[in-house]
Amino acid sequence: MPDFLNSQRCKYIRFGDFALIDTLTRDCDDATIQSLMLQLHKESRKFTYHVRKLTSWRKYCKSISNDGRDYIIHINMHKDSSNHD
């Protein structure tokens, strides 16, 4: 089923939209970069996440496109992860 027809789809969580290198090299605040680096150092962790604020034009229609939230949670899974992770 396409995303726009699926009413059960979570609109504010994205899986793998941004590669980690893109996140680390774009203009992030230091807390985001430090958080990602700490997550990458943990060998037992099979995923990383970061929170990104919506851009100004997306904030305008956030009630429709993002369930009213002004942020998106990005999750990147490692290739060795399972559905239990």
C-alpha atoms as a PDB file:
ATOM      1  CA  MET A   1       0.000   0.000   0.000  1.00  0.00           C
ATOM      2  CA  PRO A   2       1.419   3.434  -0.864  1.00  0.00           C
ATOM      3  CA  ASP A   3       2.364   5.688   2.040  1.00  0.00           C
ATOM      4  CA  PHE A   4      -0.276   8.313   1.321  1.00  0.00           C
ATOM      5  CA  LEU A   5      -3.044   5.698   1.548  1.00  0.00           C
ATOM      6  CA  ASN A   6      -1.750   4.055   4.711  1.00  0.00           C
ATOM      7  CA  SER A   7      -3.319   5.775   7.708  1.00  0.00           C
ATOM      8  CA  GLN A   8      -1.365   3.575  10.154  1.00  0.00           C
ATOM      9  CA  ARG A   9       2.040   4.774   8.885  1.00  0.00           C
ATOM     10  CA  CYS A  10       4.162   6.645  11.408  1.00  0.00           C
ATOM     11  CA  LYS A  11       4.869  10.034   9.877  1.00  0.00           C
ATOM     12  CA  TYR A  12       7.595  11.245  12.237  1.00  0.00           C
ATOM     13  CA  ILE A  13       9.984   8.265  12.245  1.00  0.00           C
ATOM     14  CA  ARG A  14      12.214   7.686   9.222  1.00  0.00           C
ATOM     15  CA  PHE A  15      14.429   4.675   8.653  1.00  0.00           C
ATOM     16  CA  GLY A  16      17.638   5.343   6.742  1.00  0.00           C
ATOM     17  CA  ASP A  17      16.589   8.547   4.979  1.00  0.00           C
ATOM     18  CA  PHE A  18      19.939  10.149   5.736  1.00  0.00           C
ATOM     19  CA  ALA A  19      23.240   8.289   5.748  1.00  0.00           C
ATOM     20  CA  LEU A  20      25.316   8.841   8.874  1.00  0.00           C
ATOM     21  CA  ILE A  21      28.084  10.563   6.925  1.00  0.00           C
ATOM     22  CA  ASP A  22      25.541  13.067   5.575  1.00  0.00           C
ATOM     23  CA  THR A  23      24.302  13.743   9.088  1.00  0.00           C
ATOM     24  CA  LEU A  24      27.801  14.209  10.488  1.00  0.00           C
ATOM     25  CA  THR A  25      29.004  16.483   7.690  1.00  0.00           C
ATOM     26  CA  ARG A  26      26.003  18.798   7.416  1.00  0.00           C
ATOM     27  CA  ASP A  27      25.525  21.733   9.740  1.00  0.00           C
ATOM     28  CA  CYS A  28      24.551  19.928  12.959  1.00  0.00           C
ATOM     29  CA  ASP A  29      24.800  21.115  16.480  1.00  0.00           C
ATOM     30  CA  ASP A  30      27.586  19.647  18.595  1.00  0.00           C
ATOM     31  CA  ALA A  31      25.183  17.662  20.764  1.00  0.00           C
ATOM     32  CA  THR A  32      23.890  15.697  17.766  1.00  0.00           C
ATOM     33  CA  ILE A  33      27.388  14.917  16.525  1.00  0.00           C
ATOM     34  CA  GLN A  34      28.579  13.918  19.982  1.00  0.00           C
ATOM     35  CA  SER A  35      25.523  11.700  20.496  1.00  0.00           C
ATOM     36  CA  LEU A  36      26.058   9.922  17.167  1.00  0.00           C
ATOM     37  CA  MET A  37      29.753   9.379  17.866  1.00  0.00           C
ATOM     38  CA  LEU A  38      28.980   7.853  21.264  1.00  0.00           C
ATOM     39  CA  GLN A  39      26.393   5.565  19.680  1.00  0.00           C
ATOM     40  CA  LEU A  40      28.850   4.430  17.011  1.00  0.00           C
ATOM     41  CA  HIS A  41      31.483   3.517  19.622  1.00  0.00           C
ATOM     42  CA  LYS A  42      29.184   1.006  21.325  1.00  0.00           C
ATOM     43  CA  GLU A  43      29.856  -2.329  19.672  1.00  0.00           C
ATOM     44  CA  SER A  44      26.712  -3.966  21.016  1.00  0.00           C
ATOM     45  CA  ARG A  45      24.410  -1.344  19.463  1.00  0.00           C
ATOM     46  CA  LYS A  46      23.072  -2.187  16.043  1.00  0.00           C
ATOM     47  CA  PHE A  47      21.354   1.101  15.291  1.00  0.00           C
ATOM     48  CA  THR A  48      21.879   4.835  15.609  1.00  0.00           C
ATOM     49  CA  TYR A  49      19.335   7.616  15.817  1.00  0.00           C
ATOM     50  CA  HIS A  50      19.156  11.375  15.814  1.00  0.00           C
ATOM     51  CA  VAL A  51      16.407  13.967  15.962  1.00  0.00           C
ATOM     52  CA  ARG A  52      16.097  16.577  13.248  1.00  0.00           C
ATOM     53  CA  LYS A  53      13.902  19.673  13.492  1.00  0.00           C
ATOM     54  CA  LEU A  54      11.562  20.400  10.620  1.00  0.00           C
ATOM     55  CA  THR A  55      12.464  23.112   8.163  1.00  0.00           C
ATOM     56  CA  SER A  56      10.433  26.294   8.266  1.00  0.00           C
ATOM     57  CA  TRP A  57       8.202  25.441   5.292  1.00  0.00           C
ATOM     58  CA  ARG A  58       7.426  21.973   6.712  1.00  0.00           C
ATOM     59  CA  LYS A  59       6.471  23.424  10.087  1.00  0.00           C
ATOM     60  CA  TYR A  60       3.649  25.242   8.344  1.00  0.00           C
ATOM     61  CA  CYS A  61       1.843  21.993   7.465  1.00  0.00           C
ATOM     62  CA  LYS A  62       3.134  19.762  10.276  1.00  0.00           C
ATOM     63  CA  SER A  63      -0.354  18.871  11.477  1.00  0.00           C
ATOM     64  CA  ILE A  64      -0.995  17.075   8.183  1.00  0.00           C
ATOM     65  CA  SER A  65       2.435  15.807   7.211  1.00  0.00           C
ATOM     66  CA  ASN A  66       4.051  15.014  10.580  1.00  0.00           C
ATOM     67  CA  ASP A  67       1.256  14.306  13.081  1.00  0.00           C
ATOM     68  CA  GLY A  68       1.689  17.764  14.615  1.00  0.00           C
ATOM     69  CA  ARG A  69       5.306  17.223  15.688  1.00  0.00           C
ATOM     70  CA  ASP A  70       8.034  19.707  14.794  1.00  0.00           C
ATOM     71  CA  TYR A  71      10.761  17.046  14.587  1.00  0.00           C
ATOM     72  CA  ILE A  72      11.577  13.788  12.800  1.00  0.00           C
ATOM     73  CA  ILE A  73      13.412  10.889  14.423  1.00  0.00           C
ATOM     74  CA  HIS A  74      15.906   9.295  12.016  1.00  0.00           C
ATOM     75  CA  ILE A  75      16.962   5.713  12.689  1.00  0.00           C
ATOM     76  CA  ASN A  76      19.784   3.958  10.847  1.00  0.00           C
ATOM     77  CA  MET A  77      20.052   0.200  11.277  1.00  0.00           C
ATOM     78  CA  HIS A  78      23.264  -1.794  10.773  1.00  0.00           C
ATOM     79  CA  LYS A  79      23.231  -4.590   8.223  1.00  0.00           C
ATOM     80  CA  ASP A  80      23.683  -7.200  11.004  1.00  0.00           C
ATOM     81  CA  SER A  81      20.604  -6.112  12.957  1.00  0.00           C
ATOM     82  CA  SER A  82      17.551  -8.293  13.367  1.00  0.00           C
ATOM     83  CA  ASN A  83      13.918  -7.485  13.985  1.00  0.00           C
ATOM     84  CA  HIS A  84      14.551  -7.837  17.745  1.00  0.00           C
ATOM     85  CA  ASP A  85      16.960  -4.889  17.698  1.00  0.00           C
END
